């Protein structure tokens, strides 16, 4: 009985803090592999995305792989600290840490599955002017949390677009010129013969 109550309390607390069990990521059926491409060579976000895609069942293509693959492109990562409170001496003591990422997801043929878009997240933290070390540590912890949340948010966006396409709520993959039906050429009507003077 005690174990049952403990499990019930734990489930309620997880639901209350916004935690949800993650379903397997939905990708188009013809997706052989996914390559994560980032403008930052050692991007921690790119590593998290690779792990997240792999744990969701996607096959990951290496960056130097020349075979055709879908691409999750991280086009930009930006960080900013916005002062939101000051002390009696006019020194900033509370900040909002902001993290914005621009990304898009391309199919293997280069067409867009998820168009270029921006996700922005933020967290507030206290920064006493006399405790720079403690502030740095708290900011680093928040930055790691924001990266993990950003990775999950990007994957949710991809999943929602794919599911919407499968359910017909958004147009499916546009036809390429090679896949369009070829219609027979229509010959213009012949012009009437013009009489030549003197004949």
N, C-alpha and C. Protein backbone atom coordinates (compact mmCIF):
# COMPACT_ATOMS: atom_id res chain seq x y z
N UNK A 1 0.83 -1.21 0.00
CA UNK A 1 0.00 0.00 0.00
C UNK A 1 0.86 1.26 0.00
N UNK A 2 1.95 1.20 0.80
CA UNK A 2 2.85 2.35 0.88
C UNK A 2 3.50 2.62 -0.47
N UNK A 3 3.90 1.54 -1.16
CA UNK A 3 4.51 1.71 -2.48
C UNK A 3 3.53 2.32 -3.48
N UNK A 4 2.28 1.88 -3.39
CA UNK A 4 1.25 2.41 -4.30
C UNK A 4 1.06 3.91 -4.08
N UNK A 5 0.99 4.32 -2.81
CA UNK A 5 0.81 5.75 -2.49
C UNK A 5 2.01 6.55 -2.95
N UNK A 6 3.22 6.00 -2.75
CA UNK A 6 4.43 6.70 -3.18
C UNK A 6 4.44 6.88 -4.69
N UNK A 7 4.05 5.84 -5.42
CA UNK A 7 3.99 5.94 -6.89
C UNK A 7 2.96 6.97 -7.33
N UNK A 8 1.84 7.01 -6.62
CA UNK A 8 0.78 7.96 -6.96
C UNK A 8 1.25 9.39 -6.74
N UNK A 9 1.92 9.63 -5.62
CA UNK A 9 2.43 10.97 -5.32
C UNK A 9 3.48 11.38 -6.34
N UNK A 10 4.37 10.44 -6.70
CA UNK A 10 5.41 10.74 -7.68
C UNK A 10 4.81 11.08 -9.04
N UNK A 11 3.80 10.32 -9.45
CA UNK A 11 3.14 10.61 -10.74
C UNK A 11 2.48 11.97 -10.74
N UNK A 12 1.82 12.31 -9.65
CA UNK A 12 1.15 13.61 -9.56
C UNK A 12 2.16 14.74 -9.58
N UNK A 13 3.29 14.55 -8.89
CA UNK A 13 4.29 15.62 -8.85
C UNK A 13 4.93 15.82 -10.21
N UNK A 14 5.18 14.72 -10.96
CA UNK A 14 5.75 14.85 -12.29
C UNK A 14 4.79 15.54 -13.24
N UNK A 15 3.50 15.21 -13.14
CA UNK A 15 2.50 15.87 -14.00
C UNK A 15 2.40 17.34 -13.66
N UNK A 16 2.52 17.67 -12.38
CA UNK A 16 2.40 19.06 -11.97
C UNK A 16 3.55 19.93 -12.43
N UNK A 17 4.75 19.33 -12.56
CA UNK A 17 5.90 20.14 -12.97
C UNK A 17 6.06 20.20 -14.48
N UNK A 18 5.09 19.66 -15.22
CA UNK A 18 5.12 19.77 -16.68
C UNK A 18 5.84 18.63 -17.37
N UNK A 19 6.20 17.58 -16.63
CA UNK A 19 6.88 16.43 -17.24
C UNK A 19 5.85 15.53 -17.92
N UNK A 20 6.18 15.12 -19.14
CA UNK A 20 5.29 14.21 -19.87
C UNK A 20 6.14 13.11 -20.47
N UNK A 21 5.64 11.88 -20.45
CA UNK A 21 6.36 10.80 -21.08
C UNK A 21 6.42 11.06 -22.58
N UNK A 22 7.63 10.93 -23.14
CA UNK A 22 7.82 11.26 -24.55
C UNK A 22 7.52 10.07 -25.43
N UNK A 23 6.70 10.28 -26.45
CA UNK A 23 6.43 9.23 -27.41
C UNK A 23 7.58 9.16 -28.41
N UNK A 24 7.62 8.08 -29.16
CA UNK A 24 8.64 7.93 -30.20
C UNK A 24 8.44 8.99 -31.26
N UNK A 25 9.54 9.59 -31.70
CA UNK A 25 9.48 10.64 -32.71
C UNK A 25 8.97 10.07 -34.02
N UNK A 26 8.03 10.76 -34.64
CA UNK A 26 7.47 10.34 -35.92
C UNK A 26 8.25 11.02 -37.04
N UNK A 27 8.79 10.20 -37.95
CA UNK A 27 9.50 10.71 -39.12
C UNK A 27 8.84 10.14 -40.37
N UNK A 28 9.00 10.79 -41.54
CA UNK A 28 8.44 10.23 -42.77
C UNK A 28 8.94 8.81 -42.99
N UNK A 29 8.08 7.96 -43.55
CA UNK A 29 8.39 6.54 -43.71
C UNK A 29 9.61 6.31 -44.59
N UNK A 30 9.87 7.22 -45.54
CA UNK A 30 10.99 7.01 -46.47
C UNK A 30 12.30 7.62 -45.96
N UNK A 31 12.35 8.04 -44.69
CA UNK A 31 13.57 8.63 -44.14
C UNK A 31 14.54 7.52 -43.77
N UNK A 32 15.64 7.43 -44.53
CA UNK A 32 16.63 6.38 -44.27
C UNK A 32 17.52 6.76 -43.09
N UNK A 33 17.99 8.00 -43.05
CA UNK A 33 18.88 8.46 -41.99
C UNK A 33 18.75 9.97 -41.85
N UNK A 34 19.16 10.47 -40.69
CA UNK A 34 19.10 11.91 -40.42
C UNK A 34 20.50 12.40 -40.06
N UNK A 35 20.89 13.51 -40.68
CA UNK A 35 22.17 14.14 -40.38
C UNK A 35 21.90 15.45 -39.65
N UNK A 36 22.53 15.64 -38.49
CA UNK A 36 22.38 16.89 -37.74
C UNK A 36 23.54 17.80 -38.12
N UNK A 37 23.20 18.97 -38.67
CA UNK A 37 24.22 19.91 -39.15
C UNK A 37 24.09 21.20 -38.35
N UNK A 38 25.21 21.68 -37.82
CA UNK A 38 25.20 22.91 -37.02
C UNK A 38 26.28 23.86 -37.50
N UNK A 39 26.00 25.17 -37.39
CA UNK A 39 27.00 26.17 -37.74
C UNK A 39 28.09 26.25 -36.69
N UNK A 40 27.81 25.76 -35.47
CA UNK A 40 28.82 25.73 -34.40
C UNK A 40 29.50 24.37 -34.40
N UNK A 41 30.82 24.32 -34.60
CA UNK A 41 31.51 23.03 -34.74
C UNK A 41 31.35 22.10 -33.54
N UNK A 42 31.33 22.64 -32.32
CA UNK A 42 31.24 21.80 -31.11
C UNK A 42 29.95 22.08 -30.35
N UNK A 43 28.87 22.21 -31.08
CA UNK A 43 27.58 22.55 -30.47
C UNK A 43 27.08 21.45 -29.56
N UNK A 44 26.84 21.79 -28.29
CA UNK A 44 26.25 20.84 -27.35
C UNK A 44 24.82 20.51 -27.75
N UNK A 45 24.12 21.49 -28.32
CA UNK A 45 22.75 21.25 -28.78
C UNK A 45 22.72 20.18 -29.87
N UNK A 46 23.67 20.26 -30.81
CA UNK A 46 23.72 19.26 -31.89
C UNK A 46 23.94 17.87 -31.31
N UNK A 47 24.78 17.75 -30.28
CA UNK A 47 25.01 16.45 -29.65
C UNK A 47 23.73 15.94 -29.00
N UNK A 48 23.00 16.84 -28.32
CA UNK A 48 21.75 16.44 -27.68
C UNK A 48 20.72 16.01 -28.72
N UNK A 49 20.67 16.70 -29.84
CA UNK A 49 19.72 16.35 -30.90
C UNK A 49 20.05 14.98 -31.49
N UNK A 50 21.33 14.71 -31.70
CA UNK A 50 21.72 13.40 -32.22
C UNK A 50 21.30 12.29 -31.26
N UNK A 51 21.56 12.52 -29.96
CA UNK A 51 21.18 11.51 -28.97
C UNK A 51 19.67 11.32 -28.93
N UNK A 52 18.94 12.44 -28.96
CA UNK A 52 17.49 12.38 -28.90
C UNK A 52 16.89 11.67 -30.10
N UNK A 53 17.42 11.96 -31.29
CA UNK A 53 16.93 11.30 -32.51
C UNK A 53 17.22 9.80 -32.46
N UNK A 54 18.43 9.48 -32.02
CA UNK A 54 18.82 8.07 -31.96
C UNK A 54 17.98 7.29 -30.96
N UNK A 55 17.74 7.88 -29.79
CA UNK A 55 16.94 7.20 -28.77
C UNK A 55 15.49 7.07 -29.20
N UNK A 56 15.05 7.91 -30.16
CA UNK A 56 13.69 7.83 -30.67
C UNK A 56 13.55 6.89 -31.85
N UNK A 57 14.66 6.24 -32.22
CA UNK A 57 14.58 5.24 -33.28
C UNK A 57 15.10 5.69 -34.63
N UNK A 58 15.55 6.93 -34.75
CA UNK A 58 16.06 7.40 -36.04
C UNK A 58 17.50 6.93 -36.23
N UNK A 59 17.85 6.67 -37.49
CA UNK A 59 19.24 6.32 -37.81
C UNK A 59 20.01 7.61 -38.04
N UNK A 60 21.16 7.75 -37.42
CA UNK A 60 21.94 8.97 -37.51
C UNK A 60 23.04 8.82 -38.55
N UNK A 61 23.12 9.77 -39.47
CA UNK A 61 24.19 9.79 -40.47
C UNK A 61 25.33 10.67 -39.96
N UNK A 62 26.54 10.24 -40.15
CA UNK A 62 27.70 11.03 -39.73
C UNK A 62 27.86 12.24 -40.64
N UNK A 63 28.50 13.27 -40.09
CA UNK A 63 28.64 14.53 -40.84
C UNK A 63 29.45 14.37 -42.12
N UNK A 64 30.39 13.40 -42.15
CA UNK A 64 31.21 13.21 -43.35
C UNK A 64 30.63 12.15 -44.29
N UNK A 65 29.44 11.64 -43.97
CA UNK A 65 28.79 10.64 -44.82
C UNK A 65 28.26 11.32 -46.07
N UNK A 66 28.62 10.79 -47.24
CA UNK A 66 28.21 11.40 -48.50
C UNK A 66 26.88 10.86 -49.02
N UNK A 67 26.35 9.82 -48.38
CA UNK A 67 25.07 9.26 -48.82
C UNK A 67 23.95 10.25 -48.54
N UNK A 68 22.88 10.15 -49.32
CA UNK A 68 21.75 11.05 -49.13
C UNK A 68 21.10 10.80 -47.78
N UNK A 69 20.75 11.88 -47.09
CA UNK A 69 20.12 11.76 -45.77
C UNK A 69 19.28 13.01 -45.52
N UNK A 70 18.25 12.85 -44.71
CA UNK A 70 17.50 14.02 -44.25
C UNK A 70 18.44 14.85 -43.37
N UNK A 71 18.17 16.15 -43.29
CA UNK A 71 19.06 17.02 -42.52
C UNK A 71 18.28 17.87 -41.52
N UNK A 72 18.70 17.81 -40.27
CA UNK A 72 18.22 18.74 -39.26
C UNK A 72 19.30 19.80 -39.12
N UNK A 73 19.03 20.99 -39.65
CA UNK A 73 20.02 22.05 -39.69
C UNK A 73 19.79 23.06 -38.57
N UNK A 74 20.79 23.22 -37.70
CA UNK A 74 20.77 24.26 -36.68
C UNK A 74 21.51 25.46 -37.27
N UNK A 75 20.76 26.46 -37.69
CA UNK A 75 21.33 27.58 -38.43
C UNK A 75 21.92 28.66 -37.53
N UNK A 76 21.42 28.75 -36.30
CA UNK A 76 21.91 29.80 -35.40
C UNK A 76 21.56 29.47 -33.96
N UNK A 77 22.50 29.76 -33.05
CA UNK A 77 22.27 29.66 -31.61
C UNK A 77 22.70 30.98 -30.99
N UNK A 78 21.81 31.62 -30.26
CA UNK A 78 22.13 32.91 -29.64
C UNK A 78 21.76 32.91 -28.17
N UNK A 79 22.68 33.45 -27.36
CA UNK A 79 22.46 33.59 -25.91
C UNK A 79 22.45 35.06 -25.55
N UNK A 80 21.68 35.41 -24.52
CA UNK A 80 21.66 36.79 -24.05
C UNK A 80 21.25 36.86 -22.59
N UNK A 81 21.81 37.83 -21.87
CA UNK A 81 21.46 38.06 -20.48
C UNK A 81 20.81 39.44 -20.37
N UNK A 82 19.52 39.45 -20.02
CA UNK A 82 18.78 40.70 -19.94
C UNK A 82 18.56 41.06 -18.47
N UNK A 83 19.10 42.22 -18.00
CA UNK A 83 18.86 42.62 -16.61
C UNK A 83 17.38 42.90 -16.38
N UNK A 84 16.81 42.33 -15.32
CA UNK A 84 15.39 42.56 -15.03
C UNK A 84 15.16 43.14 -13.64
N UNK A 85 16.23 43.28 -12.83
CA UNK A 85 16.09 43.89 -11.50
C UNK A 85 17.43 44.46 -11.07
N UNK A 86 17.40 45.60 -10.37
CA UNK A 86 18.63 46.23 -9.90
C UNK A 86 18.53 46.48 -8.40
N UNK A 87 19.71 46.64 -7.75
CA UNK A 87 19.71 46.89 -6.31
C UNK A 87 19.68 48.39 -6.04
N UNK A 88 19.85 48.77 -4.77
CA UNK A 88 19.76 50.19 -4.37
C UNK A 88 20.86 51.03 -5.01
N UNK A 89 21.99 50.39 -5.34
CA UNK A 89 23.10 51.11 -5.97
C UNK A 89 23.00 51.13 -7.50
N UNK A 90 21.90 50.61 -8.03
CA UNK A 90 21.72 50.61 -9.48
C UNK A 90 22.45 49.48 -10.20
N UNK A 91 22.89 48.47 -9.44
CA UNK A 91 23.59 47.33 -10.05
C UNK A 91 22.60 46.21 -10.35
N UNK A 92 22.77 45.61 -11.49
CA UNK A 92 21.87 44.50 -11.86
C UNK A 92 22.08 43.33 -10.90
N UNK A 93 20.99 42.80 -10.39
CA UNK A 93 21.09 41.66 -9.47
C UNK A 93 20.21 40.48 -9.90
N UNK A 94 19.39 40.68 -10.91
CA UNK A 94 18.59 39.58 -11.44
C UNK A 94 18.55 39.69 -12.96
N UNK A 95 18.72 38.55 -13.61
CA UNK A 95 18.80 38.52 -15.07
C UNK A 95 17.82 37.50 -15.64
N UNK A 96 17.52 37.68 -16.92
CA UNK A 96 16.78 36.68 -17.68
C UNK A 96 17.74 36.11 -18.73
N UNK A 97 18.05 34.83 -18.60
CA UNK A 97 18.93 34.17 -19.56
C UNK A 97 18.09 33.71 -20.74
N UNK A 98 18.42 34.21 -21.93
CA UNK A 98 17.61 33.91 -23.12
C UNK A 98 18.42 33.08 -24.12
N UNK A 99 17.73 32.14 -24.72
CA UNK A 99 18.37 31.21 -25.66
C UNK A 99 17.46 31.07 -26.88
N UNK A 100 17.96 31.47 -28.04
CA UNK A 100 17.17 31.41 -29.27
C UNK A 100 17.89 30.57 -30.32
N UNK A 101 17.15 29.71 -30.98
CA UNK A 101 17.72 28.82 -32.00
C UNK A 101 16.88 28.90 -33.26
N UNK A 102 17.57 29.01 -34.40
CA UNK A 102 16.92 28.95 -35.71
C UNK A 102 17.26 27.60 -36.33
N UNK A 103 16.26 26.87 -36.80
CA UNK A 103 16.51 25.56 -37.38
C UNK A 103 15.53 25.28 -38.50
N UNK A 104 15.83 24.24 -39.26
CA UNK A 104 14.89 23.71 -40.25
C UNK A 104 15.23 22.24 -40.49
N UNK A 105 14.27 21.51 -41.04
CA UNK A 105 14.45 20.08 -41.29
C UNK A 105 14.18 19.83 -42.77
N UNK A 106 15.15 19.24 -43.45
CA UNK A 106 15.03 18.96 -44.88
C UNK A 106 14.89 17.46 -45.12
N UNK A 107 14.07 17.11 -46.11
CA UNK A 107 13.98 15.72 -46.54
C UNK A 107 15.25 15.34 -47.30
N UNK A 108 15.34 14.06 -47.64
CA UNK A 108 16.52 13.58 -48.34
C UNK A 108 16.72 14.27 -49.69
N UNK A 109 15.61 14.66 -50.35
CA UNK A 109 15.73 15.29 -51.66
C UNK A 109 15.97 16.80 -51.56
N UNK A 110 16.11 17.33 -50.34
CA UNK A 110 16.39 18.75 -50.16
C UNK A 110 15.16 19.61 -49.96
N UNK A 111 13.96 19.04 -50.11
CA UNK A 111 12.74 19.82 -49.89
C UNK A 111 12.51 19.99 -48.38
N UNK A 112 11.81 21.05 -48.01
CA UNK A 112 11.60 21.37 -46.60
C UNK A 112 10.46 20.55 -46.00
N UNK A 113 10.75 19.89 -44.91
CA UNK A 113 9.71 19.23 -44.13
C UNK A 113 9.23 20.19 -43.04
N UNK A 114 10.18 20.75 -42.29
CA UNK A 114 9.88 21.80 -41.30
C UNK A 114 10.58 23.06 -41.78
N UNK A 115 9.82 24.09 -42.18
CA UNK A 115 10.45 25.32 -42.67
C UNK A 115 11.27 26.01 -41.57
N UNK A 116 12.15 26.89 -42.00
CA UNK A 116 12.99 27.62 -41.05
C UNK A 116 12.13 28.35 -40.02
N UNK A 117 12.47 28.17 -38.76
CA UNK A 117 11.72 28.82 -37.69
C UNK A 117 12.59 29.02 -36.46
N UNK A 118 12.07 29.81 -35.53
CA UNK A 118 12.83 30.17 -34.33
C UNK A 118 12.11 29.65 -33.08
N UNK A 119 12.88 29.11 -32.16
CA UNK A 119 12.37 28.79 -30.83
C UNK A 119 13.19 29.59 -29.83
N UNK A 120 12.52 30.28 -28.92
CA UNK A 120 13.23 31.06 -27.90
C UNK A 120 12.75 30.63 -26.51
N UNK A 121 13.72 30.37 -25.65
CA UNK A 121 13.45 29.98 -24.27
C UNK A 121 14.16 30.94 -23.33
N UNK A 122 13.68 31.03 -22.09
CA UNK A 122 14.34 31.91 -21.12
C UNK A 122 14.18 31.37 -19.71
N UNK A 123 15.13 31.73 -18.85
CA UNK A 123 15.10 31.40 -17.44
C UNK A 123 15.64 32.60 -16.66
N UNK A 124 15.04 32.89 -15.53
CA UNK A 124 15.51 33.99 -14.68
C UNK A 124 16.45 33.45 -13.62
N UNK A 125 17.46 34.24 -13.29
CA UNK A 125 18.38 33.86 -12.21
C UNK A 125 18.87 35.10 -11.47
N UNK A 126 19.19 34.90 -10.20
CA UNK A 126 19.66 35.99 -9.34
C UNK A 126 21.17 36.04 -9.42
N UNK A 127 21.71 37.26 -9.53
CA UNK A 127 23.15 37.45 -9.64
C UNK A 127 23.61 38.56 -8.70
N UNK A 128 23.85 38.24 -7.42
CA UNK A 128 24.35 39.27 -6.50
C UNK A 128 25.69 39.80 -6.98
N UNK A 129 25.87 41.12 -7.03
CA UNK A 129 27.13 41.68 -7.54
C UNK A 129 28.36 41.22 -6.78
N UNK A 130 28.20 40.75 -5.54
CA UNK A 130 29.34 40.34 -4.72
C UNK A 130 29.65 38.85 -4.82
N UNK A 131 28.88 38.09 -5.59
CA UNK A 131 29.06 36.64 -5.66
C UNK A 131 29.11 36.19 -7.11
N UNK A 132 30.23 36.54 -7.78
CA UNK A 132 30.36 36.22 -9.20
C UNK A 132 30.50 34.73 -9.44
N UNK A 133 31.19 34.00 -8.55
CA UNK A 133 31.40 32.57 -8.73
C UNK A 133 30.09 31.79 -8.67
N UNK A 134 29.29 32.09 -7.65
CA UNK A 134 28.00 31.42 -7.52
C UNK A 134 27.10 31.69 -8.69
N UNK A 135 27.16 32.92 -9.21
CA UNK A 135 26.33 33.29 -10.35
C UNK A 135 26.72 32.50 -11.59
N UNK A 136 28.04 32.36 -11.81
CA UNK A 136 28.52 31.62 -12.99
C UNK A 136 28.03 30.19 -12.95
N UNK A 137 28.12 29.56 -11.77
CA UNK A 137 27.68 28.18 -11.63
C UNK A 137 26.18 28.04 -11.92
N UNK A 138 25.38 28.94 -11.34
CA UNK A 138 23.93 28.89 -11.56
C UNK A 138 23.60 29.11 -13.03
N UNK A 139 24.30 30.03 -13.68
CA UNK A 139 24.04 30.31 -15.09
C UNK A 139 24.39 29.09 -15.95
N UNK A 140 25.48 28.41 -15.65
CA UNK A 140 25.87 27.23 -16.41
C UNK A 140 24.84 26.11 -16.26
N UNK A 141 24.33 25.95 -15.05
CA UNK A 141 23.29 24.93 -14.82
C UNK A 141 22.04 25.26 -15.63
N UNK A 142 21.64 26.54 -15.61
CA UNK A 142 20.46 26.96 -16.37
C UNK A 142 20.69 26.78 -17.87
N UNK A 143 21.91 27.09 -18.33
CA UNK A 143 22.21 26.94 -19.76
C UNK A 143 22.08 25.48 -20.19
N UNK A 144 22.56 24.55 -19.35
CA UNK A 144 22.42 23.13 -19.67
C UNK A 144 20.95 22.72 -19.73
N UNK A 145 20.16 23.23 -18.79
CA UNK A 145 18.72 22.93 -18.80
C UNK A 145 18.04 23.46 -20.05
N UNK A 146 18.43 24.68 -20.45
CA UNK A 146 17.82 25.28 -21.64
C UNK A 146 18.19 24.50 -22.90
N UNK A 147 19.42 24.01 -22.97
CA UNK A 147 19.81 23.20 -24.14
C UNK A 147 18.98 21.93 -24.23
N UNK A 148 18.80 21.27 -23.07
CA UNK A 148 18.00 20.03 -23.08
C UNK A 148 16.55 20.32 -23.47
N UNK A 149 16.01 21.41 -22.94
CA UNK A 149 14.63 21.78 -23.28
C UNK A 149 14.52 22.17 -24.75
N UNK A 150 15.55 22.85 -25.26
CA UNK A 150 15.54 23.25 -26.67
C UNK A 150 15.55 22.02 -27.58
N UNK A 151 16.38 21.04 -27.23
CA UNK A 151 16.44 19.81 -28.01
C UNK A 151 15.07 19.13 -28.04
N UNK A 152 14.41 19.04 -26.89
CA UNK A 152 13.08 18.42 -26.81
C UNK A 152 12.06 19.23 -27.60
N UNK A 153 12.15 20.57 -27.54
CA UNK A 153 11.20 21.43 -28.26
C UNK A 153 11.34 21.26 -29.77
N UNK A 154 12.59 21.20 -30.25
CA UNK A 154 12.81 21.02 -31.69
C UNK A 154 12.25 19.68 -32.16
N UNK A 155 12.50 18.64 -31.39
CA UNK A 155 11.98 17.32 -31.77
C UNK A 155 10.46 17.29 -31.74
N UNK A 156 9.85 18.00 -30.79
CA UNK A 156 8.37 18.06 -30.76
C UNK A 156 7.84 18.77 -32.00
N UNK A 157 8.54 19.84 -32.44
CA UNK A 157 8.10 20.56 -33.64
C UNK A 157 8.14 19.63 -34.86
N UNK A 158 9.23 18.90 -35.00
CA UNK A 158 9.37 17.98 -36.14
C UNK A 158 8.26 16.92 -36.09
N UNK A 159 8.06 16.36 -34.91
CA UNK A 159 7.05 15.32 -34.74
C UNK A 159 5.65 15.83 -35.07
N UNK A 160 5.33 17.03 -34.61
CA UNK A 160 3.98 17.57 -34.85
C UNK A 160 3.74 17.85 -36.33
N UNK A 161 4.78 18.32 -37.04
CA UNK A 161 4.63 18.58 -38.47
C UNK A 161 4.42 17.27 -39.23
N UNK A 162 5.20 16.24 -38.90
CA UNK A 162 5.08 14.95 -39.60
C UNK A 162 3.71 14.33 -39.33
N UNK A 163 3.25 14.39 -38.08
CA UNK A 163 1.94 13.82 -37.75
C UNK A 163 0.82 14.58 -38.46
N UNK A 164 0.94 15.91 -38.51
CA UNK A 164 -0.08 16.71 -39.19
C UNK A 164 -0.13 16.38 -40.68
N UNK A 165 1.06 16.16 -41.27
CA UNK A 165 1.10 15.82 -42.70
C UNK A 165 0.47 14.45 -42.94
N UNK A 166 0.75 13.50 -42.06
CA UNK A 166 0.18 12.15 -42.21
C UNK A 166 -1.33 12.15 -42.04
N UNK A 167 -1.83 13.03 -41.19
CA UNK A 167 -3.28 13.12 -40.96
C UNK A 167 -3.97 14.01 -41.98
N UNK A 168 -3.20 14.60 -42.90
CA UNK A 168 -3.78 15.43 -43.94
C UNK A 168 -4.12 16.83 -43.51
N UNK A 169 -3.62 17.26 -42.34
CA UNK A 169 -3.93 18.62 -41.88
C UNK A 169 -3.04 19.66 -42.54
N UNK A 170 -1.92 19.23 -43.11
CA UNK A 170 -1.08 20.13 -43.91
C UNK A 170 -0.74 19.41 -45.20
N UNK A 171 -0.44 20.14 -46.29
CA UNK A 171 -0.16 19.48 -47.56
C UNK A 171 1.03 18.54 -47.44
N UNK A 172 0.95 17.43 -48.14
CA UNK A 172 2.05 16.48 -48.14
C UNK A 172 3.19 17.02 -48.98
N UNK A 173 4.24 16.22 -49.10
CA UNK A 173 5.43 16.61 -49.84
C UNK A 173 5.06 17.07 -51.24
N UNK A 174 5.53 18.26 -51.64
CA UNK A 174 5.19 18.77 -52.97
C UNK A 174 5.80 17.90 -54.06
N UNK A 175 5.08 17.82 -55.16
CA UNK A 175 5.57 17.01 -56.27
C UNK A 175 6.77 17.69 -56.91
N UNK A 176 7.79 16.89 -57.28
CA UNK A 176 8.95 17.42 -57.97
C UNK A 176 8.68 17.39 -59.47
N UNK A 177 9.43 18.15 -60.27
CA UNK A 177 9.17 18.15 -61.72
C UNK A 177 9.23 16.76 -62.32
N UNK A 178 10.12 15.88 -61.78
CA UNK A 178 10.24 14.54 -62.35
C UNK A 178 9.02 13.68 -62.07
N UNK A 179 8.29 14.00 -60.96
CA UNK A 179 7.17 13.15 -60.59
C UNK A 179 5.84 13.65 -61.14
N UNK A 180 5.83 14.79 -61.78
CA UNK A 180 4.59 15.33 -62.34
C UNK A 180 4.19 14.56 -63.59
N UNK A 181 2.89 14.32 -63.77
CA UNK A 181 2.46 13.60 -64.99
C UNK A 181 2.74 14.43 -66.23
N UNK A 182 3.15 13.76 -67.29
CA UNK A 182 3.45 14.45 -68.54
C UNK A 182 2.19 14.45 -69.40
N UNK A 183 1.74 15.64 -69.74
CA UNK A 183 0.55 15.74 -70.58
C UNK A 183 0.97 15.82 -72.04
N UNK A 184 0.20 15.20 -72.92
CA UNK A 184 0.56 15.28 -74.34
C UNK A 184 0.49 16.72 -74.84
N UNK A 185 1.43 17.05 -75.69
CA UNK A 185 1.47 18.42 -76.21
C UNK A 185 0.26 18.64 -77.12
N UNK A 186 -0.32 19.81 -77.01
CA UNK A 186 -1.48 20.17 -77.84
C UNK A 186 -0.99 20.99 -79.01
N UNK A 187 -1.23 20.47 -80.22
CA UNK A 187 -0.80 21.18 -81.41
C UNK A 187 -1.77 22.32 -81.69
N UNK A 188 -1.25 23.53 -81.99
CA UNK A 188 -2.15 24.64 -82.33
C UNK A 188 -2.81 24.36 -83.67
N UNK A 189 -4.05 24.86 -83.84
CA UNK A 189 -4.74 24.63 -85.13
C UNK A 189 -3.96 25.25 -86.28
N UNK A 190 -3.98 24.53 -87.40
CA UNK A 190 -3.24 25.02 -88.57
C UNK A 190 -3.89 26.30 -89.08
N UNK A 191 -3.04 27.26 -89.45
CA UNK A 191 -3.55 28.54 -89.97
C UNK A 191 -4.08 28.32 -91.38
N UNK A 192 -5.20 29.03 -91.73
CA UNK A 192 -5.74 28.85 -93.09
C UNK A 192 -4.74 29.31 -94.13
N UNK A 193 -4.73 28.61 -95.26
CA UNK A 193 -3.79 28.97 -96.33
C UNK A 193 -4.14 30.33 -96.90
N UNK A 194 -3.09 31.15 -97.09
CA UNK A 194 -3.30 32.50 -97.63
C UNK A 194 -3.04 32.46 -99.12
N UNK A 195 -4.04 32.90 -99.93
CA UNK A 195 -3.81 32.84 -101.40
C UNK A 195 -2.69 33.79 -101.81
N UNK A 196 -1.85 33.30 -102.73
CA UNK A 196 -0.72 34.12 -103.21
C UNK A 196 -1.19 34.87 -104.44
N UNK A 197 -1.02 36.21 -104.46
CA UNK A 197 -1.47 36.99 -105.62
C UNK A 197 -0.85 36.47 -106.92
N UNK A 198 -1.67 36.42 -107.94
CA UNK A 198 -1.20 36.00 -109.27
C UNK A 198 -1.24 34.53 -109.48
N UNK A 199 -1.73 33.75 -108.49
CA UNK A 199 -1.83 32.30 -108.64
C UNK A 199 -3.26 31.86 -108.58
